[in-house]
Amino acid sequence: MRWIRVNTAIALNTFREAVRNKIFGSLIFFAVLLIVMSIAFGELSLHNEVRVARDLTFFTTSIFAMVITVYSSVTLLHTEIEKQTIYTILSKPIRRWEFLVGKFTGIQLLLSAILTALFAISSGVILLQGGEITAALAWGHVTLLLQLSIITAIAMLMASFSSPLLSGMVSVAIFIAGNLMTQLAQVEELLRSQHNPIWRVIWAVQYLLPNLESLNLAEVITYSVPVSAAYLGSAVWYASAYTAIVMLLAMIIFSRRDFV
């Protein structure tokens, strides 16, 4: 099909462009360095080397993967516009929404490759500490990819009409807030009990923001708790639906943008 060929071509070009970027190499280097450093932190703990290794490696992977997601989603799109290469691409029989979806697919390929590599490194560190690789660790990386797919869509939505700096700041803020939904609920309950009208704002924010905390399996990884198939199914459904809605908004805005 034509759409598949177009999407594949743009996705592969996006993936190659991202891999050649030196900034991505630097970020991955520091991620690997911090993961390996977790061995040293584990040695400082008292008989908790494996737990420290699991916590630090997954935390490091989450932070660096988020940074790479936001950076790639924002800069790769703005680079096409600034260098005016987007005019050459859109002059061909390629619709704007196809270009945006191709970029999204390419970034997901990049994130899948990065998370696979960091998962392998994390597994090596845990094995060196005498631990074992659990299914929870693998599923934790899968749900992290689901979180990042939502953030990719949000970053591309912001990048479709705002500056790179604002797009990046908003995307990072949403990632942080989305992982603090329990705390937001507690703040809302406190404000409601005090009859503070701001609780309505917090309530609205909770329903608009993606519930990334529900996709975060950090605690599950720490205690090696089994992950049910029902949870995984609902997680995939939620992330897919939220991503699709945000990408639809991004495509509508991007299709109406004037590049002149």
C-alpha atoms as a PDB file:
ATOM      1  CA  MET A   1       0.000   0.000   0.000  1.00  0.00           C
ATOM      2  CA  ARG A   2       1.112   3.544  -0.756  1.00  0.00           C
ATOM      3  CA  TRP A   3       0.616   4.812   2.807  1.00  0.00           C
ATOM      4  CA  ILE A   4       2.784   2.029   4.243  1.00  0.00           C
ATOM      5  CA  ARG A   5       5.588   2.788   1.777  1.00  0.00           C
ATOM      6  CA  VAL A   6       5.477   6.507   2.577  1.00  0.00           C
ATOM      7  CA  ASN A   7       5.356   5.911   6.323  1.00  0.00           C
ATOM      8  CA  THR A   8       8.246   3.432   6.169  1.00  0.00           C
ATOM      9  CA  ALA A   9      10.404   5.770   4.091  1.00  0.00           C
ATOM     10  CA  ILE A  10       9.891   8.765   6.390  1.00  0.00           C
ATOM     11  CA  ALA A  11      10.287   6.619   9.536  1.00  0.00           C
ATOM     12  CA  LEU A  12      13.580   5.083   8.379  1.00  0.00           C
ATOM     13  CA  ASN A  13      14.919   8.478   7.309  1.00  0.00           C
ATOM     14  CA  THR A  14      13.970   9.905  10.730  1.00  0.00           C
ATOM     15  CA  PHE A  15      15.664   6.982  12.477  1.00  0.00           C
ATOM     16  CA  ARG A  16      18.894   7.403  10.463  1.00  0.00           C
ATOM     17  CA  GLU A  17      18.899  11.158  11.029  1.00  0.00           C
ATOM     18  CA  ALA A  18      18.513  10.684  14.784  1.00  0.00           C
ATOM     19  CA  VAL A  19      21.236   8.036  15.006  1.00  0.00           C
ATOM     20  CA  ARG A  20      23.712  10.319  13.211  1.00  0.00           C
ATOM     21  CA  ASN A  21      23.078  13.118  15.726  1.00  0.00           C
ATOM     22  CA  LYS A  22      26.003  13.389  18.164  1.00  0.00           C
ATOM     23  CA  ILE A  23      23.739  14.569  20.974  1.00  0.00           C
ATOM     24  CA  PHE A  24      21.935  11.233  21.017  1.00  0.00           C
ATOM     25  CA  GLY A  25      25.275   9.466  21.301  1.00  0.00           C
ATOM     26  CA  SER A  26      26.254  11.652  24.251  1.00  0.00           C
ATOM     27  CA  LEU A  27      22.962  11.053  26.046  1.00  0.00           C
ATOM     28  CA  ILE A  28      23.197   7.299  25.593  1.00  0.00           C
ATOM     29  CA  PHE A  29      26.833   7.354  26.786  1.00  0.00           C
ATOM     30  CA  PHE A  30      25.884   9.098  30.022  1.00  0.00           C
ATOM     31  CA  ALA A  31      22.916   6.770  30.482  1.00  0.00           C
ATOM     32  CA  VAL A  32      25.190   3.741  30.156  1.00  0.00           C
ATOM     33  CA  LEU A  33      27.721   5.355  32.506  1.00  0.00           C
ATOM     34  CA  LEU A  34      25.125   5.993  35.218  1.00  0.00           C
ATOM     35  CA  ILE A  35      23.714   2.499  34.885  1.00  0.00           C
ATOM     36  CA  VAL A  36      27.162   1.000  35.364  1.00  0.00           C
ATOM     37  CA  MET A  37      27.762   3.376  38.289  1.00  0.00           C
ATOM     38  CA  SER A  38      24.808   1.756  40.019  1.00  0.00           C
ATOM     39  CA  ILE A  39      27.194  -1.096  40.788  1.00  0.00           C
ATOM     40  CA  ALA A  40      29.218   1.264  42.959  1.00  0.00           C
ATOM     41  CA  PHE A  41      26.072   2.564  44.687  1.00  0.00           C
ATOM     42  CA  GLY A  42      24.966  -0.998  45.278  1.00  0.00           C
ATOM     43  CA  GLU A  43      28.227  -1.822  47.022  1.00  0.00           C
ATOM     44  CA  LEU A  44      27.580   1.054  49.447  1.00  0.00           C
ATOM     45  CA  SER A  45      24.244  -0.436  50.480  1.00  0.00           C
ATOM     46  CA  LEU A  46      23.853  -3.102  53.156  1.00  0.00           C
ATOM     47  CA  HIS A  47      22.881  -6.378  51.452  1.00  0.00           C
ATOM     48  CA  ASN A  48      20.582  -4.508  49.037  1.00  0.00           C
ATOM     49  CA  GLU A  49      22.819  -4.546  45.973  1.00  0.00           C
ATOM     50  CA  VAL A  50      20.254  -6.144  43.680  1.00  0.00           C
ATOM     51  CA  ARG A  51      17.432  -3.839  44.780  1.00  0.00           C
ATOM     52  CA  VAL A  52      19.613  -0.737  44.333  1.00  0.00           C
ATOM     53  CA  ALA A  53      20.715  -1.980  40.917  1.00  0.00           C
ATOM     54  CA  ARG A  54      17.111  -2.486  39.801  1.00  0.00           C
ATOM     55  CA  ASP A  55      15.964   0.892  41.107  1.00  0.00           C
ATOM     56  CA  LEU A  56      18.857   2.960  39.752  1.00  0.00           C
ATOM     57  CA  THR A  57      19.079   1.302  36.349  1.00  0.00           C
ATOM     58  CA  PHE A  58      15.361   1.698  35.682  1.00  0.00           C
ATOM     59  CA  PHE A  59      15.288   5.268  37.000  1.00  0.00           C
ATOM     60  CA  THR A  60      18.291   6.190  34.823  1.00  0.00           C
ATOM     61  CA  THR A  61      16.739   4.526  31.794  1.00  0.00           C
ATOM     62  CA  SER A  62      13.446   6.383  32.338  1.00  0.00           C
ATOM     63  CA  ILE A  63      15.056   9.822  32.668  1.00  0.00           C
ATOM     64  CA  PHE A  64      17.387   9.543  29.704  1.00  0.00           C
ATOM     65  CA  ALA A  65      14.753   7.925  27.495  1.00  0.00           C
ATOM     66  CA  MET A  66      12.396  10.805  28.322  1.00  0.00           C
ATOM     67  CA  VAL A  67      15.061  13.399  27.454  1.00  0.00           C
ATOM     68  CA  ILE A  68      15.802  11.675  24.149  1.00  0.00           C
ATOM     69  CA  THR A  69      12.072  11.434  23.399  1.00  0.00           C
ATOM     70  CA  VAL A  70      11.411  15.131  23.947  1.00  0.00           C
ATOM     71  CA  TYR A  71      14.579  16.240  22.180  1.00  0.00           C
ATOM     72  CA  SER A  72      14.001  14.072  19.120  1.00  0.00           C
ATOM     73  CA  SER A  73      10.281  14.823  18.848  1.00  0.00           C
ATOM     74  CA  VAL A  74      10.840  18.571  18.975  1.00  0.00           C
ATOM     75  CA  THR A  75      14.130  19.110  17.151  1.00  0.00           C
ATOM     76  CA  LEU A  76      13.698  16.667  14.277  1.00  0.00           C
ATOM     77  CA  LEU A  77      10.483  18.398  13.243  1.00  0.00           C
ATOM     78  CA  HIS A  78      11.834  21.930  13.668  1.00  0.00           C
ATOM     79  CA  THR A  79      15.045  21.018  11.827  1.00  0.00           C
ATOM     80  CA  GLU A  80      13.011  20.079   8.756  1.00  0.00           C
ATOM     81  CA  ILE A  81      11.261  23.454   8.916  1.00  0.00           C
ATOM     82  CA  GLU A  82      14.373  25.552   9.621  1.00  0.00           C
ATOM     83  CA  LYS A  83      16.422  23.917   6.868  1.00  0.00           C
ATOM     84  CA  GLN A  84      13.395  24.157   4.580  1.00  0.00           C
ATOM     85  CA  THR A  85      13.761  20.493   3.629  1.00  0.00           C
ATOM     86  CA  ILE A  86      10.085  20.105   4.489  1.00  0.00           C
ATOM     87  CA  TYR A  87       9.209  22.023   1.321  1.00  0.00           C
ATOM     88  CA  THR A  88      10.977  19.406  -0.797  1.00  0.00           C
ATOM     89  CA  ILE A  89       9.226  16.579   1.026  1.00  0.00           C
ATOM     90  CA  LEU A  90       5.754  18.108   0.899  1.00  0.00           C
ATOM     91  CA  SER A  91       6.182  19.058  -2.762  1.00  0.00           C
ATOM     92  CA  LYS A  92       5.995  15.330  -3.475  1.00  0.00           C
ATOM     93  CA  PRO A  93       2.682  13.454  -3.273  1.00  0.00           C
ATOM     94  CA  ILE A  94       2.968  13.264   0.523  1.00  0.00           C
ATOM     95  CA  ARG A  95       0.237  14.600   2.758  1.00  0.00           C
ATOM     96  CA  ARG A  96       1.167  16.555   5.871  1.00  0.00           C
ATOM     97  CA  TRP A  97      -0.430  14.017   8.191  1.00  0.00           C
ATOM     98  CA  GLU A  98       1.584  11.264   6.519  1.00  0.00           C
ATOM     99  CA  PHE A  99       4.768  13.236   7.163  1.00  0.00           C
ATOM    100  CA  LEU A 100       3.863  13.677  10.837  1.00  0.00           C
ATOM    101  CA  VAL A 101       2.920  10.030  11.331  1.00  0.00           C
ATOM    102  CA  GLY A 102       6.141   8.967   9.604  1.00  0.00           C
ATOM    103  CA  LYS A 103       8.148  11.118  12.010  1.00  0.00           C
ATOM    104  CA  PHE A 104       6.281   9.613  14.960  1.00  0.00           C
ATOM    105  CA  THR A 105       6.948   6.078  13.728  1.00  0.00           C
ATOM    106  CA  GLY A 106      10.639   6.815  13.231  1.00  0.00           C
ATOM    107  CA  ILE A 107      10.972   8.151  16.771  1.00  0.00           C
ATOM    108  CA  GLN A 108       9.261   5.028  18.131  1.00  0.00           C
ATOM    109  CA  LEU A 109      11.772   2.877  16.237  1.00  0.00           C
ATOM    110  CA  LEU A 110      14.576   4.907  17.784  1.00  0.00           C
ATOM    111  CA  LEU A 111      13.138   4.585  21.304  1.00  0.00           C
ATOM    112  CA  SER A 112      12.578   0.852  20.868  1.00  0.00           C
ATOM    113  CA  ALA A 113      16.223   0.380  19.888  1.00  0.00           C
ATOM    114  CA  ILE A 114      17.481   2.558  22.777  1.00  0.00           C
ATOM    115  CA  LEU A 115      15.303   0.865  25.396  1.00  0.00           C
ATOM    116  CA  THR A 116      16.349  -2.563  24.145  1.00  0.00           C
ATOM    117  CA  ALA A 117      20.017  -1.607  24.480  1.00  0.00           C
ATOM    118  CA  LEU A 118      19.538  -0.068  27.945  1.00  0.00           C
ATOM    119  CA  PHE A 119      17.511  -3.098  29.052  1.00  0.00           C
ATOM    120  CA  ALA A 120      20.387  -5.367  28.029  1.00  0.00           C
ATOM    121  CA  ILE A 121      22.894  -3.203  29.927  1.00  0.00           C
ATOM    122  CA  SER A 122      20.643  -3.030  32.997  1.00  0.00           C
ATOM    123  CA  SER A 123      20.232  -6.803  32.916  1.00  0.00           C
ATOM    124  CA  GLY A 124      24.006  -7.225  32.843  1.00  0.00           C
ATOM    125  CA  VAL A 125      24.422  -4.935  35.856  1.00  0.00           C
ATOM    126  CA  ILE A 126      21.742  -6.815  37.821  1.00  0.00           C
ATOM    127  CA  LEU A 127      23.322 -10.169  36.985  1.00  0.00           C
ATOM    128  CA  LEU A 128      26.716  -8.885  38.125  1.00  0.00           C
ATOM    129  CA  GLN A 129      25.118  -7.973  41.449  1.00  0.00           C
ATOM    130  CA  GLY A 130      23.869 -11.520  41.858  1.00  0.00           C
ATOM    131  CA  GLY A 131      20.252 -10.833  40.922  1.00  0.00           C
ATOM    132  CA  GLU A 132      18.051 -12.386  38.268  1.00  0.00           C
ATOM    133  CA  ILE A 133      16.221 -10.965  35.300  1.00  0.00           C
ATOM    134  CA  THR A 134      12.504 -10.999  36.048  1.00  0.00           C
ATOM    135  CA  ALA A 135       9.536 -10.631  33.739  1.00  0.00           C
ATOM    136  CA  ALA A 136       8.607  -7.484  35.674  1.00  0.00           C
ATOM    137  CA  LEU A 137      11.827  -5.806  34.512  1.00  0.00           C
ATOM    138  CA  ALA A 138      11.049  -6.563  30.879  1.00  0.00           C
ATOM    139  CA  TRP A 139       7.434  -5.427  31.161  1.00  0.00           C
ATOM    140  CA  GLY A 140       8.596  -2.283  32.952  1.00  0.00           C
ATOM    141  CA  HIS A 141      10.548  -1.296  29.853  1.00  0.00           C
ATOM    142  CA  VAL A 142       7.548  -2.080  27.653  1.00  0.00           C
ATOM    143  CA  THR A 143       5.244   0.180  29.682  1.00  0.00           C
ATOM    144  CA  LEU A 144       7.989   2.823  29.681  1.00  0.00           C
ATOM    145  CA  LEU A 145       7.820   2.736  25.880  1.00  0.00           C
ATOM    146  CA  LEU A 146       4.062   3.269  26.174  1.00  0.00           C
ATOM    147  CA  GLN A 147       4.689   6.331  28.349  1.00  0.00           C
ATOM    148  CA  LEU A 148       7.174   7.656  25.814  1.00  0.00           C
ATOM    149  CA  SER A 149       4.775   7.150  22.923  1.00  0.00           C
ATOM    150  CA  ILE A 150       2.328   9.480  24.693  1.00  0.00           C
ATOM    151  CA  ILE A 151       5.082  12.035  25.361  1.00  0.00           C
ATOM    152  CA  THR A 152       6.197  11.810  21.718  1.00  0.00           C
ATOM    153  CA  ALA A 153       2.686  12.656  20.563  1.00  0.00           C
ATOM    154  CA  ILE A 154       2.432  15.548  23.044  1.00  0.00           C
ATOM    155  CA  ALA A 155       5.839  16.923  22.023  1.00  0.00           C
ATOM    156  CA  MET A 156       4.904  16.738  18.339  1.00  0.00           C
ATOM    157  CA  LEU A 157       1.589  18.442  19.069  1.00  0.00           C
ATOM    158  CA  MET A 158       3.406  21.292  20.800  1.00  0.00           C
ATOM    159  CA  ALA A 159       6.075  21.463  18.089  1.00  0.00           C
ATOM    160  CA  SER A 160       3.399  21.757  15.408  1.00  0.00           C
ATOM    161  CA  PHE A 161       2.553  25.312  16.522  1.00  0.00           C
ATOM    162  CA  SER A 162       5.067  26.533  19.153  1.00  0.00           C
ATOM    163  CA  SER A 163       8.801  27.110  19.585  1.00  0.00           C
ATOM    164  CA  PRO A 164      11.247  24.260  20.368  1.00  0.00           C
ATOM    165  CA  LEU A 165      11.995  25.610  23.859  1.00  0.00           C
ATOM    166  CA  LEU A 166       8.342  25.905  24.873  1.00  0.00           C
ATOM    167  CA  SER A 167       7.530  22.526  23.324  1.00  0.00           C
ATOM    168  CA  GLY A 168      10.321  20.857  25.267  1.00  0.00           C
ATOM    169  CA  MET A 169       9.464  22.520  28.577  1.00  0.00           C
ATOM    170  CA  VAL A 170       5.770  21.635  28.342  1.00  0.00           C
ATOM    171  CA  SER A 171       6.515  18.033  27.347  1.00  0.00           C
ATOM    172  CA  VAL A 172       8.920  17.519  30.261  1.00  0.00           C
ATOM    173  CA  ALA A 173       6.449  19.141  32.672  1.00  0.00           C
ATOM    174  CA  ILE A 174       3.662  16.825  31.502  1.00  0.00           C
ATOM    175  CA  PHE A 175       5.920  13.779  31.905  1.00  0.00           C
ATOM    176  CA  ILE A 176       6.692  14.774  35.500  1.00  0.00           C
ATOM    177  CA  ALA A 177       3.101  15.694  36.362  1.00  0.00           C
ATOM    178  CA  GLY A 178       1.766  12.541  34.717  1.00  0.00           C
ATOM    179  CA  ASN A 179       3.908  10.463  37.057  1.00  0.00           C
ATOM    180  CA  LEU A 180       2.605  12.348  40.115  1.00  0.00           C
ATOM    181  CA  MET A 181      -1.105  11.675  39.729  1.00  0.00           C
ATOM    182  CA  THR A 182      -1.424  10.271  43.248  1.00  0.00           C
ATOM    183  CA  GLN A 183       0.059  13.458  44.698  1.00  0.00           C
ATOM    184  CA  LEU A 184      -2.253  15.591  42.554  1.00  0.00           C
ATOM    185  CA  ALA A 185      -5.237  13.654  43.865  1.00  0.00           C
ATOM    186  CA  GLN A 186      -4.077  14.274  47.428  1.00  0.00           C
ATOM    187  CA  VAL A 187      -3.694  18.001  46.724  1.00  0.00           C
ATOM    188  CA  GLU A 188      -7.171  18.102  45.212  1.00  0.00           C
ATOM    189  CA  GLU A 189      -8.659  16.357  48.262  1.00  0.00           C
ATOM    190  CA  LEU A 190      -6.879  18.763  50.621  1.00  0.00           C
ATOM    191  CA  LEU A 191      -8.037  21.857  48.718  1.00  0.00           C
ATOM    192  CA  ARG A 192     -11.571  20.498  48.479  1.00  0.00           C
ATOM    193  CA  SER A 193     -11.670  19.942  52.251  1.00  0.00           C
ATOM    194  CA  GLN A 194     -10.548  23.551  52.718  1.00  0.00           C
ATOM    195  CA  HIS A 195     -13.233  24.773  50.289  1.00  0.00           C
ATOM    196  CA  ASN A 196     -10.532  26.284  48.104  1.00  0.00           C
ATOM    197  CA  PRO A 197     -11.909  26.794  44.553  1.00  0.00           C
ATOM    198  CA  ILE A 198      -8.531  25.878  43.065  1.00  0.00           C
ATOM    199  CA  TRP A 199      -9.443  22.208  43.606  1.00  0.00           C
ATOM    200  CA  ARG A 200     -11.521  22.428  40.431  1.00  0.00           C
ATOM    201  CA  VAL A 201      -8.411  23.364  38.466  1.00  0.00           C
ATOM    202  CA  ILE A 202      -6.509  20.404  39.929  1.00  0.00           C
ATOM    203  CA  TRP A 203      -9.457  18.144  39.138  1.00  0.00           C
ATOM    204  CA  ALA A 204      -9.488  19.291  35.509  1.00  0.00           C
ATOM    205  CA  VAL A 205      -5.723  18.872  35.218  1.00  0.00           C
ATOM    206  CA  GLN A 206      -5.985  15.278  36.425  1.00  0.00           C
ATOM    207  CA  TYR A 207      -8.457  14.408  33.689  1.00  0.00           C
ATOM    208  CA  LEU A 208      -6.589  16.219  30.923  1.00  0.00           C
ATOM    209  CA  LEU A 209      -3.092  14.972  31.711  1.00  0.00           C
ATOM    210  CA  PRO A 210      -2.068  11.423  30.784  1.00  0.00           C
ATOM    211  CA  ASN A 211      -1.969   9.111  33.788  1.00  0.00           C
ATOM    212  CA  LEU A 212       1.639   8.040  33.273  1.00  0.00           C
ATOM    213  CA  GLU A 213       1.869   6.858  36.868  1.00  0.00           C
ATOM    214  CA  SER A 214      -0.433   3.956  35.966  1.00  0.00           C
ATOM    215  CA  LEU A 215       2.116   2.943  33.315  1.00  0.00           C
ATOM    216  CA  ASN A 216       5.078   3.185  35.679  1.00  0.00           C
ATOM    217  CA  LEU A 217       6.173  -0.226  36.965  1.00  0.00           C
ATOM    218  CA  ALA A 218       9.119   0.992  39.047  1.00  0.00           C
ATOM    219  CA  GLU A 219       7.682  -0.415  42.271  1.00  0.00           C
ATOM    220  CA  VAL A 220       6.743  -3.657  40.550  1.00  0.00           C
ATOM    221  CA  ILE A 221      10.325  -4.025  39.328  1.00  0.00           C
ATOM    222  CA  THR A 222      11.749  -3.327  42.798  1.00  0.00           C
ATOM    223  CA  TYR A 223       9.749  -6.131  44.453  1.00  0.00           C
ATOM    224  CA  SER A 224       9.513  -8.423  41.379  1.00  0.00           C
ATOM    225  CA  VAL A 225       5.713  -8.514  41.500  1.00  0.00           C
ATOM    226  CA  PRO A 226       4.053 -10.487  38.656  1.00  0.00           C
ATOM    227  CA  VAL A 227       2.351  -8.385  35.990  1.00  0.00           C
ATOM    228  CA  SER A 228      -1.100  -9.572  34.915  1.00  0.00           C
ATOM    229  CA  ALA A 229      -2.191  -9.882  31.297  1.00  0.00           C
ATOM    230  CA  ALA A 230      -5.273  -7.794  32.076  1.00  0.00           C
ATOM    231  CA  TYR A 231      -3.112  -4.905  33.241  1.00  0.00           C
ATOM    232  CA  LEU A 232      -0.903  -5.089  30.150  1.00  0.00           C
ATOM    233  CA  GLY A 233      -3.943  -5.130  27.885  1.00  0.00           C
ATOM    234  CA  SER A 234      -5.497  -2.097  29.564  1.00  0.00           C
ATOM    235  CA  ALA A 235      -2.129  -0.283  29.541  1.00  0.00           C
ATOM    236  CA  VAL A 236      -1.709  -0.804  25.794  1.00  0.00           C
ATOM    237  CA  TRP A 237      -5.305   0.275  25.158  1.00  0.00           C
ATOM    238  CA  TYR A 238      -5.001   3.429  27.273  1.00  0.00           C
ATOM    239  CA  ALA A 239      -1.654   4.492  25.788  1.00  0.00           C
ATOM    240  CA  SER A 240      -2.810   3.787  22.227  1.00  0.00           C
ATOM    241  CA  ALA A 241      -6.064   5.718  22.652  1.00  0.00           C
ATOM    242  CA  TYR A 242      -4.404   8.733  24.304  1.00  0.00           C
ATOM    243  CA  THR A 243      -1.624   8.798  21.703  1.00  0.00           C
ATOM    244  CA  ALA A 244      -4.096   8.541  18.823  1.00  0.00           C
ATOM    245  CA  ILE A 245      -6.178  11.461  20.123  1.00  0.00           C
ATOM    246  CA  VAL A 246      -3.145  13.710  20.636  1.00  0.00           C
ATOM    247  CA  MET A 247      -1.675  12.789  17.246  1.00  0.00           C
ATOM    248  CA  LEU A 248      -5.014  13.558  15.600  1.00  0.00           C
ATOM    249  CA  LEU A 249      -4.924  17.048  17.115  1.00  0.00           C
ATOM    250  CA  ALA A 250      -1.311  17.448  15.995  1.00  0.00           C
ATOM    251  CA  MET A 251      -2.180  16.426  12.427  1.00  0.00           C
ATOM    252  CA  ILE A 252      -5.096  18.878  12.275  1.00  0.00           C
ATOM    253  CA  ILE A 253      -2.939  21.779  13.507  1.00  0.00           C
ATOM    254  CA  PHE A 254       0.044  20.826  11.348  1.00  0.00           C
ATOM    255  CA  SER A 255      -2.111  20.506   8.217  1.00  0.00           C
ATOM    256  CA  ARG A 256      -3.333  24.099   8.701  1.00  0.00           C
ATOM    257  CA  ARG A 257       0.080  25.593   9.482  1.00  0.00           C
ATOM    258  CA  ASP A 258       1.462  28.160   7.075  1.00  0.00           C
ATOM    259  CA  PHE A 259       5.166  27.596   6.365  1.00  0.00           C
ATOM    260  CA  VAL A 260       5.574  30.676   4.211  1.00  0.00           C
END
